[in-house]
Amino acid sequence: MSDQSKANRRWDDEHDSVVAPRVEQIGVQSVEVAGHILKTLASFDGPQTLTALSHAAGLSSAKVHRYLVSLIREGFVEQSAIDGRYDFGGAARTVGRAAMNRLDIVRIGTPLLGNLRDELQETVFMGVWTPQGPMVIEWFDIVRPVSVILRPGSILPLYSSALGLICAAYLPPDIIERALKAEAPQPLLRSRKLSKAKQIEMQEQVRRNGFSVVQGDLINGLDAVAVPVLNYRHELVACLAVVVSSGQYDFSGSGRIVHALKAAASRFMRSLG
């Protein structure tokens, strides 16, 4: 066996087997360099000069400067107008917050969602607000006669889905206005065009009740109920929802479905602190 062949193979003496060499996937080197610079910046306690950042990253100042120019353009880095030091920009903070929020949401919400599905024996899902609109991020299904086409990653309309109504009621109006203007029709999903007065009326009703209901508004034959999960600042963090066949349940505030959803949301909020 040649030296090169030996280098590409490693024997596992304990099991007398060959471990295949690791196959490297082709990536984008410039992205890796940018990531390395961002991680180097994160290793400091505060803003840094170009010299200090270049030295810590093990790269030339000229190279680091070129990457910083692009990172500044994309909002991931900012340069102080006072002393010229570099620090994280708004885009980096947004990504960081989103990553932390989603980690906590998925970690805390998934077991709660599973327990809710088992308790109600109905399809349940969890959603969040994204720049694209209300998004389903977790879905626990049951077998039902009506086919449900929604899955994690689905973007739902604002005023014909229970998740969308929660977002419309608890998010700042300017965000909802922009999202509504950008909302595009989706195959098999119904959307509703409402007057401004009707939108405000529905938002107020959701906030007053603490939950939203759609009955065949999104998908014929299916009803959905959703409740908000709020943080300590009363900001919307996530949404828990139940999907049922139309006409099966009482959707009043004292009904079994709404009671179970609100109890799960309360546990969720306590876990978030």
C-alpha atoms as a PDB file:
ATOM      1  CA  MET A   1       0.000   0.000   0.000  1.00  0.00           C
ATOM      2  CA  SER A   2       1.353   3.419  -0.921  1.00  0.00           C
ATOM      3  CA  ASP A   3       1.964   6.125   1.651  1.00  0.00           C
ATOM      4  CA  GLN A   4      -0.956   8.098   0.207  1.00  0.00           C
ATOM      5  CA  SER A   5      -3.304   5.110   0.570  1.00  0.00           C
ATOM      6  CA  LYS A   6      -2.195   4.612   4.147  1.00  0.00           C
ATOM      7  CA  ALA A   7      -2.890   8.257   4.872  1.00  0.00           C
ATOM      8  CA  ASN A   8      -6.440   7.924   3.554  1.00  0.00           C
ATOM      9  CA  ARG A   9      -7.322   4.901   5.704  1.00  0.00           C
ATOM     10  CA  ARG A  10      -7.431   4.362   9.449  1.00  0.00           C
ATOM     11  CA  TRP A  11      -7.719   0.931  11.051  1.00  0.00           C
ATOM     12  CA  ASP A  12      -9.955   0.414  14.052  1.00  0.00           C
ATOM     13  CA  ASP A  13      -7.967  -2.303  15.880  1.00  0.00           C
ATOM     14  CA  GLU A  14     -10.688  -2.954  18.411  1.00  0.00           C
ATOM     15  CA  HIS A  15     -13.281  -3.926  15.798  1.00  0.00           C
ATOM     16  CA  ASP A  16     -10.827  -4.919  13.065  1.00  0.00           C
ATOM     17  CA  SER A  17     -12.632  -2.672  10.578  1.00  0.00           C
ATOM     18  CA  VAL A  18     -11.741   0.162   8.262  1.00  0.00           C
ATOM     19  CA  VAL A  19     -13.075   3.663   8.893  1.00  0.00           C
ATOM     20  CA  ALA A  20     -13.687   5.413   5.583  1.00  0.00           C
ATOM     21  CA  PRO A  21     -11.856   8.686   5.042  1.00  0.00           C
ATOM     22  CA  ARG A  22     -13.900  11.820   5.679  1.00  0.00           C
ATOM     23  CA  VAL A  23     -15.166  13.375   2.463  1.00  0.00           C
ATOM     24  CA  GLU A  24     -14.798  17.147   2.416  1.00  0.00           C
ATOM     25  CA  GLN A  25     -17.685  19.013   0.801  1.00  0.00           C
ATOM     26  CA  ILE A  26     -16.918  21.967  -1.424  1.00  0.00           C
ATOM     27  CA  GLY A  27     -17.744  25.287   0.237  1.00  0.00           C
ATOM     28  CA  VAL A  28     -17.280  28.987  -0.408  1.00  0.00           C
ATOM     29  CA  GLN A  29     -13.949  30.110   0.984  1.00  0.00           C
ATOM     30  CA  SER A  30     -14.867  33.788   1.175  1.00  0.00           C
ATOM     31  CA  VAL A  31     -17.862  32.956   3.374  1.00  0.00           C
ATOM     32  CA  GLU A  32     -15.621  30.925   5.655  1.00  0.00           C
ATOM     33  CA  VAL A  33     -13.156  33.808   5.951  1.00  0.00           C
ATOM     34  CA  ALA A  34     -15.980  36.240   6.755  1.00  0.00           C
ATOM     35  CA  GLY A  35     -17.273  33.827   9.381  1.00  0.00           C
ATOM     36  CA  HIS A  36     -13.801  33.541  10.884  1.00  0.00           C
ATOM     37  CA  ILE A  37     -13.521  37.323  11.145  1.00  0.00           C
ATOM     38  CA  LEU A  38     -16.941  37.600  12.806  1.00  0.00           C
ATOM     39  CA  LYS A  39     -16.085  34.864  15.308  1.00  0.00           C
ATOM     40  CA  THR A  40     -12.767  36.602  16.039  1.00  0.00           C
ATOM     41  CA  LEU A  41     -14.623  39.863  16.676  1.00  0.00           C
ATOM     42  CA  ALA A  42     -16.970  37.993  19.020  1.00  0.00           C
ATOM     43  CA  SER A  43     -14.001  36.757  21.066  1.00  0.00           C
ATOM     44  CA  PHE A  44     -13.254  40.327  22.230  1.00  0.00           C
ATOM     45  CA  ASP A  45     -15.103  42.173  24.981  1.00  0.00           C
ATOM     46  CA  GLY A  46     -15.837  45.213  22.827  1.00  0.00           C
ATOM     47  CA  PRO A  47     -15.023  47.175  19.650  1.00  0.00           C
ATOM     48  CA  GLN A  48     -11.585  46.597  18.143  1.00  0.00           C
ATOM     49  CA  THR A  49      -9.131  48.311  15.865  1.00  0.00           C
ATOM     50  CA  LEU A  50      -8.286  46.857  12.468  1.00  0.00           C
ATOM     51  CA  THR A  51      -4.778  46.011  13.696  1.00  0.00           C
ATOM     52  CA  ALA A  52      -5.994  44.095  16.743  1.00  0.00           C
ATOM     53  CA  LEU A  53      -8.658  42.240  14.780  1.00  0.00           C
ATOM     54  CA  SER A  54      -6.239  41.291  11.988  1.00  0.00           C
ATOM     55  CA  HIS A  55      -3.645  40.053  14.470  1.00  0.00           C
ATOM     56  CA  ALA A  56      -6.179  37.923  16.357  1.00  0.00           C
ATOM     57  CA  ALA A  57      -7.612  36.493  13.121  1.00  0.00           C
ATOM     58  CA  GLY A  58      -4.158  35.676  11.746  1.00  0.00           C
ATOM     59  CA  LEU A  59      -4.858  37.583   8.534  1.00  0.00           C
ATOM     60  CA  SER A  60      -3.312  40.626   6.886  1.00  0.00           C
ATOM     61  CA  SER A  61      -4.826  44.001   7.662  1.00  0.00           C
ATOM     62  CA  ALA A  62      -5.523  44.610   3.962  1.00  0.00           C
ATOM     63  CA  LYS A  63      -7.474  41.354   3.654  1.00  0.00           C
ATOM     64  CA  VAL A  64      -9.466  41.898   6.824  1.00  0.00           C
ATOM     65  CA  HIS A  65     -10.274  45.451   5.738  1.00  0.00           C
ATOM     66  CA  ARG A  66     -11.745  44.223   2.432  1.00  0.00           C
ATOM     67  CA  TYR A  67     -14.008  41.789   4.263  1.00  0.00           C
ATOM     68  CA  LEU A  68     -15.020  44.416   6.794  1.00  0.00           C
ATOM     69  CA  VAL A  69     -16.125  46.720   3.981  1.00  0.00           C
ATOM     70  CA  SER A  70     -18.519  44.042   2.709  1.00  0.00           C
ATOM     71  CA  LEU A  71     -19.697  43.121   6.213  1.00  0.00           C
ATOM     72  CA  ILE A  72     -20.439  46.795   6.894  1.00  0.00           C
ATOM     73  CA  ARG A  73     -22.453  47.024   3.668  1.00  0.00           C
ATOM     74  CA  GLU A  74     -24.559  44.050   4.796  1.00  0.00           C
ATOM     75  CA  GLY A  75     -25.007  45.473   8.286  1.00  0.00           C
ATOM     76  CA  PHE A  76     -23.087  42.766  10.144  1.00  0.00           C
ATOM     77  CA  VAL A  77     -20.326  45.155  11.243  1.00  0.00           C
ATOM     78  CA  GLU A  78     -20.283  48.852  12.135  1.00  0.00           C
ATOM     79  CA  GLN A  79     -17.319  51.249  12.308  1.00  0.00           C
ATOM     80  CA  SER A  80     -17.307  54.004  14.877  1.00  0.00           C
ATOM     81  CA  ALA A  81     -17.131  57.489  13.410  1.00  0.00           C
ATOM     82  CA  ILE A  82     -15.283  58.611  16.551  1.00  0.00           C
ATOM     83  CA  ASP A  83     -12.347  56.234  16.895  1.00  0.00           C
ATOM     84  CA  GLY A  84     -12.651  53.985  13.803  1.00  0.00           C
ATOM     85  CA  ARG A  85     -13.072  50.785  15.826  1.00  0.00           C
ATOM     86  CA  TYR A  86     -15.184  47.907  14.530  1.00  0.00           C
ATOM     87  CA  ASP A  87     -18.052  46.193  16.297  1.00  0.00           C
ATOM     88  CA  PHE A  88     -21.143  44.158  15.420  1.00  0.00           C
ATOM     89  CA  GLY A  89     -23.861  45.871  13.420  1.00  0.00           C
ATOM     90  CA  GLY A  90     -27.624  45.648  13.477  1.00  0.00           C
ATOM     91  CA  ALA A  91     -27.840  42.639  11.169  1.00  0.00           C
ATOM     92  CA  ALA A  92     -25.529  40.631  13.430  1.00  0.00           C
ATOM     93  CA  ARG A  93     -27.621  41.512  16.473  1.00  0.00           C
ATOM     94  CA  THR A  94     -30.799  40.541  14.641  1.00  0.00           C
ATOM     95  CA  VAL A  95     -29.374  37.171  13.634  1.00  0.00           C
ATOM     96  CA  GLY A  96     -28.074  36.582  17.151  1.00  0.00           C
ATOM     97  CA  ARG A  97     -31.411  37.368  18.761  1.00  0.00           C
ATOM     98  CA  ALA A  98     -33.271  35.224  16.259  1.00  0.00           C
ATOM     99  CA  ALA A  99     -30.934  32.276  16.855  1.00  0.00           C
ATOM    100  CA  MET A 100     -31.289  32.506  20.633  1.00  0.00           C
ATOM    101  CA  ASN A 101     -35.044  32.975  20.496  1.00  0.00           C
ATOM    102  CA  ARG A 102     -35.552  30.067  18.153  1.00  0.00           C
ATOM    103  CA  LEU A 103     -33.327  27.812  20.187  1.00  0.00           C
ATOM    104  CA  ASP A 104     -35.367  28.515  23.309  1.00  0.00           C
ATOM    105  CA  ILE A 105     -38.663  28.354  21.454  1.00  0.00           C
ATOM    106  CA  VAL A 106     -37.977  24.971  19.892  1.00  0.00           C
ATOM    107  CA  ARG A 107     -36.370  23.514  23.014  1.00  0.00           C
ATOM    108  CA  ILE A 108     -39.177  24.635  25.311  1.00  0.00           C
ATOM    109  CA  GLY A 109     -42.106  24.494  22.923  1.00  0.00           C
ATOM    110  CA  THR A 110     -41.637  21.070  21.342  1.00  0.00           C
ATOM    111  CA  PRO A 111     -42.347  18.943  24.440  1.00  0.00           C
ATOM    112  CA  LEU A 112     -45.251  21.219  25.383  1.00  0.00           C
ATOM    113  CA  LEU A 113     -46.668  20.765  21.899  1.00  0.00           C
ATOM    114  CA  GLY A 114     -46.319  16.995  22.124  1.00  0.00           C
ATOM    115  CA  ASN A 115     -48.149  16.920  25.441  1.00  0.00           C
ATOM    116  CA  LEU A 116     -50.884  19.132  24.001  1.00  0.00           C
ATOM    117  CA  ARG A 117     -51.369  16.793  21.037  1.00  0.00           C
ATOM    118  CA  ASP A 118     -51.579  13.782  23.352  1.00  0.00           C
ATOM    119  CA  GLU A 119     -54.027  15.536  25.672  1.00  0.00           C
ATOM    120  CA  LEU A 120     -56.388  16.734  22.941  1.00  0.00           C
ATOM    121  CA  GLN A 121     -55.790  13.992  20.381  1.00  0.00           C
ATOM    122  CA  GLU A 122     -55.831  16.677  17.725  1.00  0.00           C
ATOM    123  CA  THR A 123     -53.270  18.177  15.333  1.00  0.00           C
ATOM    124  CA  VAL A 124     -51.263  20.958  16.949  1.00  0.00           C
ATOM    125  CA  PHE A 125     -48.593  23.313  15.698  1.00  0.00           C
ATOM    126  CA  MET A 126     -46.295  26.118  16.784  1.00  0.00           C
ATOM    127  CA  GLY A 127     -45.656  29.243  14.744  1.00  0.00           C
ATOM    128  CA  VAL A 128     -43.522  32.378  14.864  1.00  0.00           C
ATOM    129  CA  TRP A 129     -43.308  35.661  13.023  1.00  0.00           C
ATOM    130  CA  THR A 130     -40.604  35.864  10.349  1.00  0.00           C
ATOM    131  CA  PRO A 131     -39.682  38.514   7.741  1.00  0.00           C
ATOM    132  CA  GLN A 132     -41.686  36.414   5.266  1.00  0.00           C
ATOM    133  CA  GLY A 133     -44.781  36.398   7.487  1.00  0.00           C
ATOM    134  CA  PRO A 134     -46.395  33.974   9.985  1.00  0.00           C
ATOM    135  CA  MET A 135     -44.442  30.698   9.721  1.00  0.00           C
ATOM    136  CA  VAL A 136     -45.219  27.207  11.039  1.00  0.00           C
ATOM    137  CA  ILE A 137     -42.067  25.883  12.734  1.00  0.00           C
ATOM    138  CA  GLU A 138     -43.342  22.691  14.401  1.00  0.00           C
ATOM    139  CA  TRP A 139     -46.266  20.432  13.487  1.00  0.00           C
ATOM    140  CA  PHE A 140     -47.587  17.370  15.336  1.00  0.00           C
ATOM    141  CA  ASP A 141     -50.233  15.635  13.257  1.00  0.00           C
ATOM    142  CA  ILE A 142     -52.922  13.027  13.774  1.00  0.00           C
ATOM    143  CA  VAL A 143     -54.723  10.965  11.155  1.00  0.00           C
ATOM    144  CA  ARG A 144     -57.803  12.847   9.935  1.00  0.00           C
ATOM    145  CA  PRO A 145     -60.247  12.518   7.015  1.00  0.00           C
ATOM    146  CA  VAL A 146     -59.385  15.996   5.688  1.00  0.00           C
ATOM    147  CA  SER A 147     -55.906  16.301   4.206  1.00  0.00           C
ATOM    148  CA  VAL A 148     -53.799  19.080   5.718  1.00  0.00           C
ATOM    149  CA  ILE A 149     -51.170  20.561   3.427  1.00  0.00           C
ATOM    150  CA  LEU A 150     -49.465  22.669   6.094  1.00  0.00           C
ATOM    151  CA  ARG A 151     -46.047  21.656   7.335  1.00  0.00           C
ATOM    152  CA  PRO A 152     -43.059  23.283   9.068  1.00  0.00           C
ATOM    153  CA  GLY A 153     -41.896  26.162   6.899  1.00  0.00           C
ATOM    154  CA  SER A 154     -45.390  27.018   5.645  1.00  0.00           C
ATOM    155  CA  ILE A 155     -46.146  30.761   5.502  1.00  0.00           C
ATOM    156  CA  LEU A 156     -49.775  31.502   6.409  1.00  0.00           C
ATOM    157  CA  PRO A 157     -51.997  34.464   5.452  1.00  0.00           C
ATOM    158  CA  LEU A 158     -52.569  37.136   8.071  1.00  0.00           C
ATOM    159  CA  TYR A 159     -56.354  37.368   8.255  1.00  0.00           C
ATOM    160  CA  SER A 160     -57.529  33.878   7.273  1.00  0.00           C
ATOM    161  CA  SER A 161     -55.290  31.810   9.583  1.00  0.00           C
ATOM    162  CA  ALA A 162     -55.350  31.544  13.368  1.00  0.00           C
ATOM    163  CA  LEU A 163     -51.572  32.077  13.497  1.00  0.00           C
ATOM    164  CA  GLY A 164     -51.820  35.115  11.224  1.00  0.00           C
ATOM    165  CA  LEU A 165     -54.538  36.683  13.372  1.00  0.00           C
ATOM    166  CA  ILE A 166     -52.389  36.319  16.496  1.00  0.00           C
ATOM    167  CA  CYS A 167     -49.488  38.027  14.709  1.00  0.00           C
ATOM    168  CA  ALA A 168     -51.760  40.805  13.419  1.00  0.00           C
ATOM    169  CA  ALA A 169     -53.112  41.420  16.930  1.00  0.00           C
ATOM    170  CA  TYR A 170     -49.834  41.441  18.868  1.00  0.00           C
ATOM    171  CA  LEU A 171     -47.224  42.859  16.481  1.00  0.00           C
ATOM    172  CA  PRO A 172     -46.665  46.575  15.708  1.00  0.00           C
ATOM    173  CA  PRO A 173     -49.130  47.875  13.095  1.00  0.00           C
ATOM    174  CA  ASP A 174     -46.409  49.068  10.689  1.00  0.00           C
ATOM    175  CA  ILE A 175     -44.947  45.562  10.479  1.00  0.00           C
ATOM    176  CA  ILE A 176     -48.363  44.080   9.721  1.00  0.00           C
ATOM    177  CA  GLU A 177     -49.090  46.752   7.110  1.00  0.00           C
ATOM    178  CA  ARG A 178     -45.886  45.977   5.208  1.00  0.00           C
ATOM    179  CA  ALA A 179     -46.502  42.240   5.416  1.00  0.00           C
ATOM    180  CA  LEU A 180     -50.079  42.606   4.211  1.00  0.00           C
ATOM    181  CA  LYS A 181     -48.973  44.592   1.153  1.00  0.00           C
ATOM    182  CA  ALA A 182     -46.380  41.932   0.323  1.00  0.00           C
ATOM    183  CA  GLU A 183     -48.726  38.986   0.941  1.00  0.00           C
ATOM    184  CA  ALA A 184     -49.019  36.812  -2.157  1.00  0.00           C
ATOM    185  CA  PRO A 185     -51.825  34.333  -2.981  1.00  0.00           C
ATOM    186  CA  GLN A 186     -50.979  30.706  -2.234  1.00  0.00           C
ATOM    187  CA  PRO A 187     -52.426  27.644  -3.958  1.00  0.00           C
ATOM    188  CA  LEU A 188     -55.010  25.789  -1.823  1.00  0.00           C
ATOM    189  CA  LEU A 189     -54.854  28.421   0.961  1.00  0.00           C
ATOM    190  CA  ARG A 190     -57.531  31.078   1.228  1.00  0.00           C
ATOM    191  CA  SER A 191     -56.713  34.672   2.077  1.00  0.00           C
ATOM    192  CA  ARG A 192     -59.080  37.518   2.917  1.00  0.00           C
ATOM    193  CA  LYS A 193     -58.995  41.167   1.877  1.00  0.00           C
ATOM    194  CA  LEU A 194     -60.578  43.171   4.671  1.00  0.00           C
ATOM    195  CA  SER A 195     -61.265  46.830   5.211  1.00  0.00           C
ATOM    196  CA  LYS A 196     -59.030  48.670   7.652  1.00  0.00           C
ATOM    197  CA  ALA A 197     -61.916  48.956  10.094  1.00  0.00           C
ATOM    198  CA  LYS A 198     -62.548  45.204   9.952  1.00  0.00           C
ATOM    199  CA  GLN A 199     -58.859  44.454  10.493  1.00  0.00           C
ATOM    200  CA  ILE A 200     -58.803  46.637  13.605  1.00  0.00           C
ATOM    201  CA  GLU A 201     -62.010  45.034  14.866  1.00  0.00           C
ATOM    202  CA  MET A 202     -60.565  41.521  14.497  1.00  0.00           C
ATOM    203  CA  GLN A 203     -57.285  42.509  16.160  1.00  0.00           C
ATOM    204  CA  GLU A 204     -59.125  44.003  19.126  1.00  0.00           C
ATOM    205  CA  GLN A 205     -61.277  40.917  19.469  1.00  0.00           C
ATOM    206  CA  VAL A 206     -58.220  38.632  19.518  1.00  0.00           C
ATOM    207  CA  ARG A 207     -56.500  40.747  22.177  1.00  0.00           C
ATOM    208  CA  ARG A 208     -59.695  40.923  24.236  1.00  0.00           C
ATOM    209  CA  ASN A 209     -60.271  37.150  24.107  1.00  0.00           C
ATOM    210  CA  GLY A 210     -56.619  36.130  24.271  1.00  0.00           C
ATOM    211  CA  PHE A 211     -57.057  33.705  21.357  1.00  0.00           C
ATOM    212  CA  SER A 212     -57.975  33.607  17.658  1.00  0.00           C
ATOM    213  CA  VAL A 213     -60.371  31.352  15.742  1.00  0.00           C
ATOM    214  CA  VAL A 214     -60.805  30.589  12.037  1.00  0.00           C
ATOM    215  CA  GLN A 215     -63.552  28.248  10.871  1.00  0.00           C
ATOM    216  CA  GLY A 216     -62.944  27.060   7.347  1.00  0.00           C
ATOM    217  CA  ASP A 217     -61.386  30.427   6.478  1.00  0.00           C
ATOM    218  CA  LEU A 218     -58.007  28.977   5.463  1.00  0.00           C
ATOM    219  CA  ILE A 219     -58.836  25.390   4.429  1.00  0.00           C
ATOM    220  CA  ASN A 220     -62.339  24.131   3.804  1.00  0.00           C
ATOM    221  CA  GLY A 221     -63.407  21.599   6.448  1.00  0.00           C
ATOM    222  CA  LEU A 222     -60.846  22.640   9.030  1.00  0.00           C
ATOM    223  CA  ASP A 223     -61.073  25.000  12.000  1.00  0.00           C
ATOM    224  CA  ALA A 224     -58.126  26.323  13.986  1.00  0.00           C
ATOM    225  CA  VAL A 225     -57.639  28.051  17.336  1.00  0.00           C
ATOM    226  CA  ALA A 226     -54.440  29.799  18.394  1.00  0.00           C
ATOM    227  CA  VAL A 227     -53.096  31.557  21.468  1.00  0.00           C
ATOM    228  CA  PRO A 228     -50.091  33.873  21.853  1.00  0.00           C
ATOM    229  CA  VAL A 229     -46.946  33.137  23.828  1.00  0.00           C
ATOM    230  CA  LEU A 230     -45.701  36.473  25.188  1.00  0.00           C
ATOM    231  CA  ASN A 231     -42.473  37.400  26.948  1.00  0.00           C
ATOM    232  CA  TYR A 232     -42.151  39.532  30.070  1.00  0.00           C
ATOM    233  CA  ARG A 233     -42.398  42.699  27.946  1.00  0.00           C
ATOM    234  CA  HIS A 234     -45.718  41.464  26.554  1.00  0.00           C
ATOM    235  CA  GLU A 235     -44.100  40.931  23.135  1.00  0.00           C
ATOM    236  CA  LEU A 236     -45.132  38.074  20.871  1.00  0.00           C
ATOM    237  CA  VAL A 237     -42.615  35.233  20.967  1.00  0.00           C
ATOM    238  CA  ALA A 238     -44.552  32.333  19.477  1.00  0.00           C
ATOM    239  CA  CYS A 239     -48.022  30.962  18.898  1.00  0.00           C
ATOM    240  CA  LEU A 240     -49.586  27.610  19.839  1.00  0.00           C
ATOM    241  CA  ALA A 241     -52.501  26.348  17.756  1.00  0.00           C
ATOM    242  CA  VAL A 242     -54.869  23.410  17.366  1.00  0.00           C
ATOM    243  CA  VAL A 243     -56.374  22.261  14.053  1.00  0.00           C
ATOM    244  CA  VAL A 244     -59.651  20.301  14.142  1.00  0.00           C
ATOM    245  CA  SER A 245     -62.326  19.118  11.727  1.00  0.00           C
ATOM    246  CA  SER A 246     -65.001  21.777  11.312  1.00  0.00           C
ATOM    247  CA  GLY A 247     -67.941  21.835  13.702  1.00  0.00           C
ATOM    248  CA  GLN A 248     -66.512  19.539  16.381  1.00  0.00           C
ATOM    249  CA  TYR A 249     -65.686  21.911  19.245  1.00  0.00           C
ATOM    250  CA  ASP A 250     -66.876  24.830  21.300  1.00  0.00           C
ATOM    251  CA  PHE A 251     -64.472  27.674  20.651  1.00  0.00           C
ATOM    252  CA  SER A 252     -65.586  29.901  23.492  1.00  0.00           C
ATOM    253  CA  GLY A 253     -63.115  31.020  26.142  1.00  0.00           C
ATOM    254  CA  SER A 254     -64.430  28.328  28.488  1.00  0.00           C
ATOM    255  CA  GLY A 255     -64.158  25.537  25.910  1.00  0.00           C
ATOM    256  CA  ARG A 256     -61.799  22.585  26.344  1.00  0.00           C
ATOM    257  CA  ILE A 257     -59.571  23.482  23.382  1.00  0.00           C
ATOM    258  CA  VAL A 258     -59.019  27.105  24.382  1.00  0.00           C
ATOM    259  CA  HIS A 259     -58.485  26.149  28.026  1.00  0.00           C
ATOM    260  CA  ALA A 260     -55.811  23.577  27.100  1.00  0.00           C
ATOM    261  CA  LEU A 261     -54.066  26.003  24.728  1.00  0.00           C
ATOM    262  CA  LYS A 262     -53.936  28.805  27.282  1.00  0.00           C
ATOM    263  CA  ALA A 263     -52.614  26.435  29.944  1.00  0.00           C
ATOM    264  CA  ALA A 264     -49.823  25.291  27.586  1.00  0.00           C
ATOM    265  CA  ALA A 265     -49.006  28.907  26.688  1.00  0.00           C
ATOM    266  CA  SER A 266     -48.781  29.785  30.383  1.00  0.00           C
ATOM    267  CA  ARG A 267     -46.312  26.951  30.958  1.00  0.00           C
ATOM    268  CA  PHE A 268     -44.358  28.129  27.929  1.00  0.00           C
ATOM    269  CA  MET A 269     -44.185  31.703  29.256  1.00  0.00           C
ATOM    270  CA  ARG A 270     -43.065  30.542  32.699  1.00  0.00           C
ATOM    271  CA  SER A 271     -40.266  28.529  31.087  1.00  0.00           C
ATOM    272  CA  LEU A 272     -39.185  31.604  29.138  1.00  0.00           C
ATOM    273  CA  GLY A 273     -39.042  33.578  32.392  1.00  0.00           C
END
